[in-house]
């Protein structure tokens, strides 16, 4: 029973991390801030553990977990990352090839207008 709970917890945590990474990739500033905050908390907890008698920082114990957190903070706190996250987002475009909707209706009207000007008639 305990193993199943631990497995589900790890899978939920992994899913949240993947979603957070996806939102950072999409340029969401809140995701960038949350990722940096979680990394800062992880670094502080590891430092607190070392100061209070936990294992020293070594390649064998906790360096592989500490290094990505530091690198993540360095990468996401740069000016380029901030500019990327704070850039204006464009509205998604409608597919004008689909039938229906205002864009398709407008395109059909433009086509008819152009055809009538050229004297070819409606197609």
PDB file of N, CA and C in Angstrom:
ATOM      1  N   UNK A   1       0.829  -1.195   0.000  1.00  0.00           N
ATOM      2  CA  UNK A   1       0.000   0.000   0.000  1.00  0.00           C
ATOM      3  C   UNK A   1       0.870   1.255   0.000  1.00  0.00           C
ATOM      4  N   UNK A   2       1.917   1.274   0.820  1.00  0.00           N
ATOM      5  CA  UNK A   2       2.801   2.429   0.902  1.00  0.00           C
ATOM      6  C   UNK A   2       3.549   2.685  -0.392  1.00  0.00           C
ATOM      7  N   UNK A   3       3.899   1.601  -1.092  1.00  0.00           N
ATOM      8  CA  UNK A   3       4.602   1.740  -2.363  1.00  0.00           C
ATOM      9  C   UNK A   3       3.697   2.365  -3.427  1.00  0.00           C
ATOM     10  N   UNK A   4       2.433   1.995  -3.423  1.00  0.00           N
ATOM     11  CA  UNK A   4       1.487   2.557  -4.395  1.00  0.00           C
ATOM     12  C   UNK A   4       1.290   4.048  -4.162  1.00  0.00           C
ATOM     13  N   UNK A   5       1.196   4.448  -2.904  1.00  0.00           N
ATOM     14  CA  UNK A   5       1.027   5.866  -2.588  1.00  0.00           C
ATOM     15  C   UNK A   5       2.266   6.653  -3.012  1.00  0.00           C
ATOM     16  N   UNK A   6       3.435   6.093  -2.750  1.00  0.00           N
ATOM     17  CA  UNK A   6       4.680   6.762  -3.139  1.00  0.00           C
ATOM     18  C   UNK A   6       4.784   6.873  -4.660  1.00  0.00           C
ATOM     19  N   UNK A   7       4.389   5.831  -5.371  1.00  0.00           N
ATOM     20  CA  UNK A   7       4.443   5.848  -6.833  1.00  0.00           C
ATOM     21  C   UNK A   7       3.506   6.897  -7.398  1.00  0.00           C
ATOM     22  N   UNK A   8       2.289   6.955  -6.875  1.00  0.00           N
ATOM     23  CA  UNK A   8       1.329   7.948  -7.346  1.00  0.00           C
ATOM     24  C   UNK A   8       1.825   9.359  -7.042  1.00  0.00           C
ATOM     25  N   UNK A   9       2.407   9.556  -5.871  1.00  0.00           N
ATOM     26  CA  UNK A   9       2.933  10.869  -5.500  1.00  0.00           C
ATOM     27  C   UNK A   9       4.046  11.298  -6.450  1.00  0.00           C
ATOM     28  N   UNK A  10       4.946  10.404  -6.758  1.00  0.00           N
ATOM     29  CA  UNK A  10       6.050  10.716  -7.671  1.00  0.00           C
ATOM     30  C   UNK A  10       5.516  11.003  -9.068  1.00  0.00           C
ATOM     31  N   UNK A  11       4.533  10.229  -9.533  1.00  0.00           N
ATOM     32  CA  UNK A  11       3.968  10.461 -10.861  1.00  0.00           C
ATOM     33  C   UNK A  11       3.236  11.797 -10.943  1.00  0.00           C
ATOM     34  N   UNK A  12       2.499  12.155  -9.901  1.00  0.00           N
ATOM     35  CA  UNK A  12       1.811  13.452  -9.885  1.00  0.00           C
ATOM     36  C   UNK A  12       2.838  14.582  -9.880  1.00  0.00           C
ATOM     37  N   UNK A  13       3.882  14.446  -9.071  1.00  0.00           N
ATOM     38  CA  UNK A  13       4.941  15.460  -9.025  1.00  0.00           C
ATOM     39  C   UNK A  13       5.620  15.589 -10.393  1.00  0.00           C
ATOM     40  N   UNK A  14       5.875  14.463 -11.043  1.00  0.00           N
ATOM     41  CA  UNK A  14       6.503  14.499 -12.372  1.00  0.00           C
ATOM     42  C   UNK A  14       5.588  15.168 -13.393  1.00  0.00           C
ATOM     43  N   UNK A  15       4.295  14.888 -13.333  1.00  0.00           N
ATOM     44  CA  UNK A  15       3.351  15.517 -14.243  1.00  0.00           C
ATOM     45  C   UNK A  15       3.303  17.029 -14.041  1.00  0.00           C
ATOM     46  N   UNK A  16       3.307  17.459 -12.784  1.00  0.00           N
ATOM     47  CA  UNK A  16       3.310  18.895 -12.483  1.00  0.00           C
ATOM     48  C   UNK A  16       4.590  19.541 -13.004  1.00  0.00           C
ATOM     49  N   UNK A  17       5.716  18.876 -12.854  1.00  0.00           N
ATOM     50  CA  UNK A  17       6.986  19.406 -13.350  1.00  0.00           C
ATOM     51  C   UNK A  17       6.983  19.518 -14.878  1.00  0.00           C
ATOM     52  N   UNK A  18       6.439  18.520 -15.560  1.00  0.00           N
ATOM     53  CA  UNK A  18       6.379  18.560 -17.023  1.00  0.00           C
ATOM     54  C   UNK A  18       5.462  19.695 -17.481  1.00  0.00           C
ATOM     55  N   UNK A  19       4.306  19.842 -16.835  1.00  0.00           N
ATOM     56  CA  UNK A  19       3.405  20.945 -17.185  1.00  0.00           C
ATOM     57  C   UNK A  19       4.051  22.298 -16.924  1.00  0.00           C
ATOM     58  N   UNK A  20       4.754  22.414 -15.815  1.00  0.00           N
ATOM     59  CA  UNK A  20       5.444  23.665 -15.496  1.00  0.00           C
ATOM     60  C   UNK A  20       6.507  23.967 -16.553  1.00  0.00           C
ATOM     61  N   UNK A  21       7.263  22.956 -16.951  1.00  0.00           N
ATOM     62  CA  UNK A  21       8.276  23.148 -17.998  1.00  0.00           C
ATOM     63  C   UNK A  21       7.619  23.558 -19.313  1.00  0.00           C
ATOM     64  N   UNK A  22       6.463  22.974 -19.633  1.00  0.00           N
ATOM     65  CA  UNK A  22       5.771  23.326 -20.869  1.00  0.00           C
ATOM     66  C   UNK A  22       5.319  24.786 -20.839  1.00  0.00           C
ATOM     67  N   UNK A  23       4.781  25.237 -19.699  1.00  0.00           N
ATOM     68  CA  UNK A  23       4.339  26.622 -19.599  1.00  0.00           C
ATOM     69  C   UNK A  23       5.526  27.587 -19.624  1.00  0.00           C
ATOM     70  N   UNK A  24       6.659  27.179 -19.080  1.00  0.00           N
ATOM     71  CA  UNK A  24       7.867  28.013 -19.191  1.00  0.00           C
ATOM     72  C   UNK A  24       8.267  28.107 -20.659  1.00  0.00           C
ATOM     73  N   UNK A  25       8.226  26.986 -21.368  1.00  0.00           N
ATOM     74  CA  UNK A  25       8.560  26.980 -22.792  1.00  0.00           C
ATOM     75  C   UNK A  25       7.614  27.880 -23.591  1.00  0.00           C
ATOM     76  N   UNK A  26       6.342  27.904 -23.217  1.00  0.00           N
ATOM     77  CA  UNK A  26       5.376  28.761 -23.901  1.00  0.00           C
ATOM     78  C   UNK A  26       5.559  30.233 -23.567  1.00  0.00           C
ATOM     79  N   UNK A  27       6.390  30.526 -22.569  1.00  0.00           N
ATOM     80  CA  UNK A  27       6.671  31.915 -22.239  1.00  0.00           C
ATOM     81  C   UNK A  27       5.756  32.505 -21.182  1.00  0.00           C
ATOM     82  N   UNK A  28       5.200  31.679 -20.325  1.00  0.00           N
ATOM     83  CA  UNK A  28       4.339  32.178 -19.253  1.00  0.00           C
ATOM     84  C   UNK A  28       5.215  32.634 -18.090  1.00  0.00           C
ATOM     85  N   UNK A  29       5.080  33.891 -17.714  1.00  0.00           N
ATOM     86  CA  UNK A  29       5.924  34.450 -16.665  1.00  0.00           C
ATOM     87  C   UNK A  29       5.635  33.812 -15.309  1.00  0.00           C
ATOM     88  N   UNK A  30       4.370  33.493 -15.033  1.00  0.00           N
ATOM     89  CA  UNK A  30       4.039  32.884 -13.748  1.00  0.00           C
ATOM     90  C   UNK A  30       4.736  31.533 -13.608  1.00  0.00           C
ATOM     91  N   UNK A  31       4.864  30.776 -14.696  1.00  0.00           N
ATOM     92  CA  UNK A  31       5.528  29.475 -14.646  1.00  0.00           C
ATOM     93  C   UNK A  31       7.027  29.646 -14.402  1.00  0.00           C
ATOM     94  N   UNK A  32       7.611  30.655 -15.024  1.00  0.00           N
ATOM     95  CA  UNK A  32       9.029  30.959 -14.804  1.00  0.00           C
ATOM     96  C   UNK A  32       9.275  31.313 -13.342  1.00  0.00           C
ATOM     97  N   UNK A  33       8.386  32.126 -12.767  1.00  0.00           N
ATOM     98  CA  UNK A  33       8.524  32.536 -11.369  1.00  0.00           C
ATOM     99  C   UNK A  33       8.341  31.349 -10.427  1.00  0.00           C
ATOM    100  N   UNK A  34       7.355  30.494 -10.698  1.00  0.00           N
ATOM    101  CA  UNK A  34       7.130  29.310  -9.857  1.00  0.00           C
ATOM    102  C   UNK A  34       8.324  28.365  -9.934  1.00  0.00           C
ATOM    103  N   UNK A  35       8.865  28.156 -11.126  1.00  0.00           N
ATOM    104  CA  UNK A  35      10.016  27.267 -11.284  1.00  0.00           C
ATOM    105  C   UNK A  35      11.230  27.792 -10.515  1.00  0.00           C
ATOM    106  N   UNK A  36      11.465  29.101 -10.607  1.00  0.00           N
ATOM    107  CA  UNK A  36      12.591  29.675  -9.854  1.00  0.00           C
ATOM    108  C   UNK A  36      12.344  29.580  -8.356  1.00  0.00           C
ATOM    109  N   UNK A  37      11.110  29.774  -7.910  1.00  0.00           N
ATOM    110  CA  UNK A  37      10.792  29.686  -6.481  1.00  0.00           C
ATOM    111  C   UNK A  37      10.985  28.267  -5.959  1.00  0.00           C
ATOM    112  N   UNK A  38      10.531  27.275  -6.725  1.00  0.00           N
ATOM    113  CA  UNK A  38      10.715  25.885  -6.300  1.00  0.00           C
ATOM    114  C   UNK A  38      12.191  25.509  -6.246  1.00  0.00           C
ATOM    115  N   UNK A  39      12.969  25.978  -7.202  1.00  0.00           N
ATOM    116  CA  UNK A  39      14.409  25.695  -7.184  1.00  0.00           C
ATOM    117  C   UNK A  39      15.091  26.381  -6.006  1.00  0.00           C
ATOM    118  N   UNK A  40      14.672  27.610  -5.711  1.00  0.00           N
ATOM    119  CA  UNK A  40      15.234  28.311  -4.550  1.00  0.00           C
ATOM    120  C   UNK A  40      14.902  27.567  -3.266  1.00  0.00           C
ATOM    121  N   UNK A  41      13.662  27.094  -3.150  1.00  0.00           N
ATOM    122  CA  UNK A  41      13.271  26.339  -1.957  1.00  0.00           C
ATOM    123  C   UNK A  41      14.077  25.045  -1.838  1.00  0.00           C
ATOM    124  N   UNK A  42      14.300  24.366  -2.966  1.00  0.00           N
ATOM    125  CA  UNK A  42      15.082  23.128  -2.928  1.00  0.00           C
ATOM    126  C   UNK A  42      16.524  23.396  -2.506  1.00  0.00           C
ATOM    127  N   UNK A  43      17.121  24.469  -3.005  1.00  0.00           N
ATOM    128  CA  UNK A  43      18.494  24.816  -2.620  1.00  0.00           C
ATOM    129  C   UNK A  43      18.559  25.155  -1.136  1.00  0.00           C
ATOM    130  N   UNK A  44      17.597  25.935  -0.655  1.00  0.00           N
ATOM    131  CA  UNK A  44      17.582  26.314   0.770  1.00  0.00           C
ATOM    132  C   UNK A  44      17.396  25.095   1.667  1.00  0.00           C
ATOM    133  N   UNK A  45      16.531  24.166   1.268  1.00  0.00           N
ATOM    134  CA  UNK A  45      16.327  22.954   2.067  1.00  0.00           C
ATOM    135  C   UNK A  45      17.586  22.095   2.093  1.00  0.00           C
ATOM    136  N   UNK A  46      18.286  22.006   0.982  1.00  0.00           N
ATOM    137  CA  UNK A  46      19.528  21.233   0.968  1.00  0.00           C
ATOM    138  C   UNK A  46      20.592  21.904   1.831  1.00  0.00           C
ATOM    139  N   UNK A  47      20.656  23.220   1.783  1.00  0.00           N
ATOM    140  CA  UNK A  47      21.620  23.944   2.622  1.00  0.00           C
ATOM    141  C   UNK A  47      21.273  23.774   4.097  1.00  0.00           C
ATOM    142  N   UNK A  48      19.993  23.854   4.430  1.00  0.00           N
ATOM    143  CA  UNK A  48      19.540  23.662   5.816  1.00  0.00           C
ATOM    144  C   UNK A  48      19.895  22.263   6.300  1.00  0.00           C
ATOM    145  N   UNK A  49      19.746  21.268   5.436  1.00  0.00           N
ATOM    146  CA  UNK A  49      20.078  19.893   5.796  1.00  0.00           C
ATOM    147  C   UNK A  49      21.574  19.735   6.056  1.00  0.00           C
ATOM    148  N   UNK A  50      22.409  20.346   5.235  1.00  0.00           N
ATOM    149  CA  UNK A  50      23.864  20.246   5.416  1.00  0.00           C
ATOM    150  C   UNK A  50      24.293  20.944   6.710  1.00  0.00           C
ATOM    151  N   UNK A  51      23.723  22.130   6.973  1.00  0.00           N
ATOM    152  CA  UNK A  51      24.094  22.881   8.173  1.00  0.00           C
ATOM    153  C   UNK A  51      23.671  22.135   9.437  1.00  0.00           C
ATOM    154  N   UNK A  52      22.567  21.434   9.397  1.00  0.00           N
ATOM    155  CA  UNK A  52      22.060  20.731  10.581  1.00  0.00           C
ATOM    156  C   UNK A  52      22.511  19.284  10.666  1.00  0.00           C
ATOM    157  N   UNK A  53      23.651  18.961  10.102  1.00  0.00           N
ATOM    158  CA  UNK A  53      24.257  17.650  10.299  1.00  0.00           C
ATOM    159  C   UNK A  53      23.928  16.622   9.234  1.00  0.00           C
ATOM    160  N   UNK A  54      23.302  17.014   8.162  1.00  0.00           N
ATOM    161  CA  UNK A  54      23.012  16.077   7.078  1.00  0.00           C
ATOM    162  C   UNK A  54      24.272  15.750   6.311  1.00  0.00           C
ATOM    163  N   UNK A  55      24.146  14.964   5.274  1.00  0.00           N
ATOM    164  CA  UNK A  55      25.333  14.601   4.489  1.00  0.00           C
ATOM    165  C   UNK A  55      25.927  15.829   3.792  1.00  0.00           C
ATOM    166  N   UNK A  56      27.255  15.845   3.748  1.00  0.00           N
ATOM    167  CA  UNK A  56      27.933  16.929   3.052  1.00  0.00           C
ATOM    168  C   UNK A  56      27.615  16.864   1.560  1.00  0.00           C
ATOM    169  N   UNK A  57      27.770  18.006   0.907  1.00  0.00           N
ATOM    170  CA  UNK A  57      27.521  18.043  -0.527  1.00  0.00           C
ATOM    171  C   UNK A  57      28.668  17.310  -1.221  1.00  0.00           C
ATOM    172  N   UNK A  58      28.314  16.239  -1.900  1.00  0.00           N
ATOM    173  CA  UNK A  58      29.305  15.466  -2.636  1.00  0.00           C
ATOM    174  C   UNK A  58      28.651  14.958  -3.912  1.00  0.00           C
ATOM    175  N   UNK A  59      29.494  14.470  -4.795  1.00  0.00           N
ATOM    176  CA  UNK A  59      28.990  13.954  -6.058  1.00  0.00           C
ATOM    177  C   UNK A  59      28.096  12.743  -5.827  1.00  0.00           C
ATOM    178  N   UNK A  60      28.382  11.994  -4.771  1.00  0.00           N
ATOM    179  CA  UNK A  60      27.638  10.791  -4.497  1.00  0.00           C
ATOM    180  C   UNK A  60      26.276  11.063  -3.853  1.00  0.00           C
ATOM    181  N   UNK A  61      26.191  12.095  -3.038  1.00  0.00           N
ATOM    182  CA  UNK A  61      24.945  12.286  -2.282  1.00  0.00           C
ATOM    183  C   UNK A  61      23.966  13.243  -2.953  1.00  0.00           C
ATOM    184  N   UNK A  62      24.273  14.542  -2.973  1.00  0.00           N
ATOM    185  CA  UNK A  62      23.244  15.479  -3.422  1.00  0.00           C
ATOM    186  C   UNK A  62      23.685  16.502  -4.460  1.00  0.00           C
ATOM    187  N   UNK A  63      24.874  16.422  -4.960  1.00  0.00           N
ATOM    188  CA  UNK A  63      25.311  17.364  -5.995  1.00  0.00           C
ATOM    189  C   UNK A  63      24.519  17.224  -7.298  1.00  0.00           C
ATOM    190  N   UNK A  64      24.192  16.009  -7.740  1.00  0.00           N
ATOM    191  CA  UNK A  64      23.391  15.905  -8.975  1.00  0.00           C
ATOM    192  C   UNK A  64      22.006  16.553  -8.849  1.00  0.00           C
ATOM    193  N   UNK A  65      21.459  16.672  -7.668  1.00  0.00           N
ATOM    194  CA  UNK A  65      20.185  17.348  -7.486  1.00  0.00           C
ATOM    195  C   UNK A  65      20.331  18.843  -7.291  1.00  0.00           C
ATOM    196  N   UNK A  66      21.456  19.262  -6.752  1.00  0.00           N
ATOM    197  CA  UNK A  66      21.684  20.678  -6.469  1.00  0.00           C
ATOM    198  C   UNK A  66      22.087  21.459  -7.726  1.00  0.00           C
ATOM    199  N   UNK A  67      22.911  20.870  -8.557  1.00  0.00           N
ATOM    200  CA  UNK A  67      23.407  21.571  -9.748  1.00  0.00           C
ATOM    201  C   UNK A  67      22.291  21.982 -10.722  1.00  0.00           C
ATOM    202  N   UNK A  68      21.333  21.107 -11.047  1.00  0.00           N
ATOM    203  CA  UNK A  68      20.262  21.553 -11.959  1.00  0.00           C
ATOM    204  C   UNK A  68      19.415  22.688 -11.378  1.00  0.00           C
ATOM    205  N   UNK A  69      19.206  22.687 -10.066  1.00  0.00           N
ATOM    206  CA  UNK A  69      18.447  23.778  -9.454  1.00  0.00           C
ATOM    207  C   UNK A  69      19.172  25.113  -9.608  1.00  0.00           C
ATOM    208  N   UNK A  70      20.477  25.104  -9.396  1.00  0.00           N
ATOM    209  CA  UNK A  70      21.258  26.333  -9.552  1.00  0.00           C
ATOM    210  C   UNK A  70      21.264  26.782 -11.013  1.00  0.00           C
ATOM    211  N   UNK A  71      21.466  25.840 -11.928  1.00  0.00           N
ATOM    212  CA  UNK A  71      21.472  26.182 -13.350  1.00  0.00           C
ATOM    213  C   UNK A  71      20.110  26.694 -13.815  1.00  0.00           C
ATOM    214  N   UNK A  72      19.031  26.124 -13.281  1.00  0.00           N
ATOM    215  CA  UNK A  72      17.691  26.575 -13.647  1.00  0.00           C
ATOM    216  C   UNK A  72      17.459  28.015 -13.203  1.00  0.00           C
ATOM    217  N   UNK A  73      17.890  28.338 -11.993  1.00  0.00           N
ATOM    218  CA  UNK A  73      17.745  29.714 -11.507  1.00  0.00           C
ATOM    219  C   UNK A  73      18.566  30.671 -12.369  1.00  0.00           C
ATOM    220  N   UNK A  74      19.781  30.275 -12.710  1.00  0.00           N
ATOM    221  CA  UNK A  74      20.616  31.133 -13.555  1.00  0.00           C
ATOM    222  C   UNK A  74      19.991  31.340 -14.933  1.00  0.00           C
ATOM    223  N   UNK A  75      19.450  30.287 -15.504  1.00  0.00           N
ATOM    224  CA  UNK A  75      18.871  30.397 -16.846  1.00  0.00           C
ATOM    225  C   UNK A  75      17.586  31.219 -16.845  1.00  0.00           C
ATOM    226  N   UNK A  76      16.696  30.978 -15.880  1.00  0.00           N
ATOM    227  CA  UNK A  76      15.393  31.645 -15.889  1.00  0.00           C
ATOM    228  C   UNK A  76      15.429  33.059 -15.334  1.00  0.00           C
ATOM    229  N   UNK A  77      16.512  33.440 -14.683  1.00  0.00           N
ATOM    230  CA  UNK A  77      16.585  34.803 -14.146  1.00  0.00           C
ATOM    231  C   UNK A  77      17.330  35.759 -15.079  1.00  0.00           C
ATOM    232  N   UNK A  78      17.739  35.267 -16.243  1.00  0.00           N
ATOM    233  CA  UNK A  78      18.463  36.125 -17.178  1.00  0.00           C
ATOM    234  C   UNK A  78      17.521  37.132 -17.839  1.00  0.00           C
ATOM    235  N   UNK A  79      18.103  38.164 -18.394  1.00  0.00           N
ATOM    236  CA  UNK A  79      17.306  39.192 -19.080  1.00  0.00           C
ATOM    237  C   UNK A  79      16.594  38.611 -20.295  1.00  0.00           C
ATOM    238  N   UNK A  80      17.260  37.719 -21.019  1.00  0.00           N
ATOM    239  CA  UNK A  80      16.633  37.109 -22.201  1.00  0.00           C
ATOM    240  C   UNK A  80      15.420  36.271 -21.817  1.00  0.00           C
ATOM    241  N   UNK A  81      15.514  35.527 -20.700  1.00  0.00           N
ATOM    242  CA  UNK A  81      14.374  34.721 -20.252  1.00  0.00           C
ATOM    243  C   UNK A  81      13.229  35.624 -19.816  1.00  0.00           C
ATOM    244  N   UNK A  82      13.535  36.707 -19.141  1.00  0.00           N
ATOM    245  CA  UNK A  82      12.500  37.653 -18.701  1.00  0.00           C
ATOM    246  C   UNK A  82      11.835  38.309 -19.914  1.00  0.00           C
ATOM    247  N   UNK A  83      12.632  38.718 -20.892  1.00  0.00           N
ATOM    248  CA  UNK A  83      12.064  39.317 -22.102  1.00  0.00           C
ATOM    249  C   UNK A  83      11.180  38.326 -22.858  1.00  0.00           C
ATOM    250  N   UNK A  84      11.613  37.071 -22.904  1.00  0.00           N
ATOM    251  CA  UNK A  84      10.829  36.046 -23.581  1.00  0.00           C
ATOM    252  C   UNK A  84       9.487  35.822 -22.877  1.00  0.00           C
ATOM    253  N   UNK A  85       9.513  35.792 -21.553  1.00  0.00           N
ATOM    254  CA  UNK A  85       8.284  35.540 -20.800  1.00  0.00           C
ATOM    255  C   UNK A  85       7.350  36.747 -20.807  1.00  0.00           C
ATOM    256  N   UNK A  86       7.889  37.940 -20.927  1.00  0.00           N
ATOM    257  CA  UNK A  86       7.060  39.142 -20.863  1.00  0.00           C
ATOM    258  C   UNK A  86       6.712  39.701 -22.236  1.00  0.00           C
ATOM    259  N   UNK A  87       7.074  38.989 -23.306  1.00  0.00           N
ATOM    260  CA  UNK A  87       6.743  39.488 -24.646  1.00  0.00           C
ATOM    261  C   UNK A  87       5.233  39.423 -24.844  1.00  0.00           C
ATOM    262  N   UNK A  88       4.716  40.281 -25.711  1.00  0.00           N
ATOM    263  CA  UNK A  88       3.271  40.221 -25.973  1.00  0.00           C
ATOM    264  C   UNK A  88       2.916  38.931 -26.711  1.00  0.00           C
ATOM    265  N   UNK A  89       1.841  38.306 -26.277  1.00  0.00           N
ATOM    266  CA  UNK A  89       1.398  37.062 -26.903  1.00  0.00           C
ATOM    267  C   UNK A  89       0.374  37.384 -27.980  1.00  0.00           C
ATOM    268  N   UNK A  90       0.514  36.756 -29.133  1.00  0.00           N
ATOM    269  CA  UNK A  90      -0.430  36.961 -30.224  1.00  0.00           C
ATOM    270  C   UNK A  90      -1.658  36.083 -29.996  1.00  0.00           C
ATOM    271  N   UNK A  91      -2.780  36.576 -30.493  1.00  0.00           N
ATOM    272  CA  UNK A  91      -4.002  35.784 -30.456  1.00  0.00           C
ATOM    273  C   UNK A  91      -3.867  34.658 -31.469  1.00  0.00           C
ATOM    274  N   UNK A  92      -4.385  33.480 -31.153  1.00  0.00           N
ATOM    275  CA  UNK A  92      -4.286  32.389 -32.124  1.00  0.00           C
ATOM    276  C   UNK A  92      -5.096  32.695 -33.370  1.00  0.00           C
ATOM    277  N   UNK A  93      -4.542  32.335 -34.516  1.00  0.00           N
ATOM    278  CA  UNK A  93      -5.214  32.593 -35.784  1.00  0.00           C
ATOM    279  C   UNK A  93      -6.218  31.484 -36.068  1.00  0.00           C
ATOM    280  N   UNK A  94      -7.311  31.881 -36.682  1.00  0.00           N
ATOM    281  CA  UNK A  94      -8.282  30.882 -37.128  1.00  0.00           C
ATOM    282  C   UNK A  94      -7.792  30.292 -38.439  1.00  0.00           C
ATOM    283  N   UNK A  95      -8.137  29.065 -38.663  1.00  0.00           N
ATOM    284  CA  UNK A  95      -7.783  28.402 -39.909  1.00  0.00           C
ATOM    285  C   UNK A  95      -8.773  28.848 -40.983  1.00  0.00           C
ATOM    286  N   UNK A  96      -8.292  29.638 -41.946  1.00  0.00           N
ATOM    287  CA  UNK A  96      -9.190  30.161 -42.969  1.00  0.00           C
ATOM    288  C   UNK A  96      -9.617  29.078 -43.951  1.00  0.00           C
ATOM    289  N   UNK A  97      -8.982  27.936 -43.904  1.00  0.00           N
ATOM    290  CA  UNK A  97      -9.370  26.846 -44.788  1.00  0.00           C
ATOM    291  C   UNK A  97     -10.606  26.111 -44.306  1.00  0.00           C
ATOM    292  N   UNK A  98     -10.962  26.292 -43.051  1.00  0.00           N
ATOM    293  CA  UNK A  98     -12.153  25.628 -42.513  1.00  0.00           C
ATOM    294  C   UNK A  98     -13.400  26.342 -42.985  1.00  0.00           C
ATOM    295  N   UNK A  99     -14.432  25.596 -43.203  1.00  0.00           N
ATOM    296  CA  UNK A  99     -15.688  26.212 -43.593  1.00  0.00           C
ATOM    297  C   UNK A  99     -16.358  26.816 -42.372  1.00  0.00           C
ATOM    298  N   UNK A 100     -17.083  27.888 -42.604  1.00  0.00           N
ATOM    299  CA  UNK A 100     -17.789  28.544 -41.514  1.00  0.00           C
ATOM    300  C   UNK A 100     -16.890  29.499 -40.764  1.00  0.00           C
ATOM    301  N   UNK A 101     -17.466  30.246 -39.869  1.00  0.00           N
ATOM    302  CA  UNK A 101     -16.704  31.200 -39.089  1.00  0.00           C
ATOM    303  C   UNK A 101     -16.519  32.495 -39.841  1.00  0.00           C
ATOM    304  N   UNK A 102     -16.219  33.558 -39.132  1.00  0.00           N
ATOM    305  CA  UNK A 102     -16.134  34.874 -39.770  1.00  0.00           C
ATOM    306  C   UNK A 102     -15.008  35.004 -40.780  1.00  0.00           C
ATOM    307  N   UNK A 103     -13.904  34.330 -40.578  1.00  0.00           N
ATOM    308  CA  UNK A 103     -12.779  34.456 -41.500  1.00  0.00           C
ATOM    309  C   UNK A 103     -13.122  33.818 -42.842  1.00  0.00           C
ATOM    310  N   UNK A 104     -13.720  32.635 -42.809  1.00  0.00           N
ATOM    311  CA  UNK A 104     -14.069  31.951 -44.047  1.00  0.00           C
ATOM    312  C   UNK A 104     -15.138  32.725 -44.811  1.00  0.00           C
ATOM    313  N   UNK A 105     -16.118  33.279 -44.108  1.00  0.00           N
ATOM    314  CA  UNK A 105     -17.162  34.061 -44.759  1.00  0.00           C
ATOM    315  C   UNK A 105     -16.563  35.297 -45.409  1.00  0.00           C
ATOM    316  N   UNK A 106     -15.666  35.965 -44.702  1.00  0.00           N
ATOM    317  CA  UNK A 106     -15.014  37.150 -45.242  1.00  0.00           C
ATOM    318  C   UNK A 106     -14.178  36.804 -46.470  1.00  0.00           C
ATOM    319  N   UNK A 107     -13.474  35.690 -46.430  1.00  0.00           N
ATOM    320  CA  UNK A 107     -12.667  35.282 -47.585  1.00  0.00           C
ATOM    321  C   UNK A 107     -13.538  34.966 -48.793  1.00  0.00           C
ATOM    322  N   UNK A 108     -14.680  34.304 -48.586  1.00  0.00           N
ATOM    323  CA  UNK A 108     -15.581  34.014 -49.702  1.00  0.00           C
ATOM    324  C   UNK A 108     -16.112  35.307 -50.311  1.00  0.00           C
ATOM    325  N   UNK A 109     -16.463  36.283 -49.453  1.00  0.00           N
ATOM    326  CA  UNK A 109     -16.970  37.565 -49.957  1.00  0.00           C
ATOM    327  C   UNK A 109     -15.892  38.296 -50.751  1.00  0.00           C
ATOM    328  N   UNK A 110     -14.661  38.267 -50.286  1.00  0.00           N
ATOM    329  CA  UNK A 110     -13.562  38.909 -51.007  1.00  0.00           C
ATOM    330  C   UNK A 110     -13.331  38.237 -52.351  1.00  0.00           C
ATOM    331  N   UNK A 111     -13.407  36.907 -52.375  1.00  0.00           N
ATOM    332  CA  UNK A 111     -13.210  36.177 -53.608  1.00  0.00           C
ATOM    333  C   UNK A 111     -14.287  36.534 -54.632  1.00  0.00           C
ATOM    334  N   UNK A 112     -15.525  36.603 -54.174  1.00  0.00           N
ATOM    335  CA  UNK A 112     -16.622  36.961 -55.087  1.00  0.00           C
ATOM    336  C   UNK A 112     -16.448  38.376 -55.608  1.00  0.00           C
ATOM    337  N   UNK A 113     -16.011  39.287 -54.738  1.00  0.00           N
ATOM    338  CA  UNK A 113     -15.809  40.675 -55.147  1.00  0.00           C
ATOM    339  C   UNK A 113     -14.699  40.764 -56.194  1.00  0.00           C
ATOM    340  N   UNK A 114     -13.612  40.054 -55.976  1.00  0.00           N
ATOM    341  CA  UNK A 114     -12.509  40.069 -56.940  1.00  0.00           C
ATOM    342  C   UNK A 114     -12.931  39.446 -58.270  1.00  0.00           C
ATOM    343  N   UNK A 115     -13.692  38.347 -58.196  1.00  0.00           N
ATOM    344  CA  UNK A 115     -14.151  37.711 -59.423  1.00  0.00           C
ATOM    345  C   UNK A 115     -15.064  38.625 -60.219  1.00  0.00           C
ATOM    346  N   UNK A 116     -15.946  39.368 -59.551  1.00  0.00           N
ATOM    347  CA  UNK A 116     -16.862  40.252 -60.255  1.00  0.00           C
ATOM    348  C   UNK A 116     -16.117  41.434 -60.864  1.00  0.00           C
ATOM    349  N   UNK A 117     -15.044  41.884 -60.242  1.00  0.00           N
ATOM    350  CA  UNK A 117     -14.256  42.987 -60.793  1.00  0.00           C
ATOM    351  C   UNK A 117     -13.517  42.543 -62.046  1.00  0.00           C
ATOM    352  N   UNK A 118     -13.045  41.308 -62.044  1.00  0.00           N
ATOM    353  CA  UNK A 118     -12.300  40.800 -63.194  1.00  0.00           C
ATOM    354  C   UNK A 118     -13.225  40.386 -64.322  1.00  0.00           C
ATOM    355  N   UNK A 119     -14.532  40.285 -64.034  1.00  0.00           N
ATOM    356  CA  UNK A 119     -15.492  39.915 -65.070  1.00  0.00           C
ATOM    357  C   UNK A 119     -15.578  38.429 -65.296  1.00  0.00           C
ATOM    358  N   UNK A 120     -15.012  37.630 -64.408  1.00  0.00           N
ATOM    359  CA  UNK A 120     -15.052  36.180 -64.589  1.00  0.00           C
ATOM    360  C   UNK A 120     -16.288  35.565 -63.960  1.00  0.00           C
ATOM    361  N   UNK A 121     -16.970  36.323 -63.120  1.00  0.00           N
ATOM    362  CA  UNK A 121     -18.131  35.772 -62.442  1.00  0.00           C
ATOM    363  C   UNK A 121     -17.736  34.931 -61.257  1.00  0.00           C
ATOM    364  N   UNK A 122     -18.734  34.486 -60.529  1.00  0.00           N
ATOM    365  CA  UNK A 122     -18.479  33.660 -59.340  1.00  0.00           C
ATOM    366  C   UNK A 122     -18.073  32.270 -59.753  1.00  0.00           C
ATOM    367  N   UNK A 123     -17.180  31.689 -59.022  1.00  0.00           N
ATOM    368  CA  UNK A 123     -16.706  30.332 -59.314  1.00  0.00           C
ATOM    369  C   UNK A 123     -17.556  29.306 -58.624  1.00  0.00           C
TER     370      UNK A 123
END
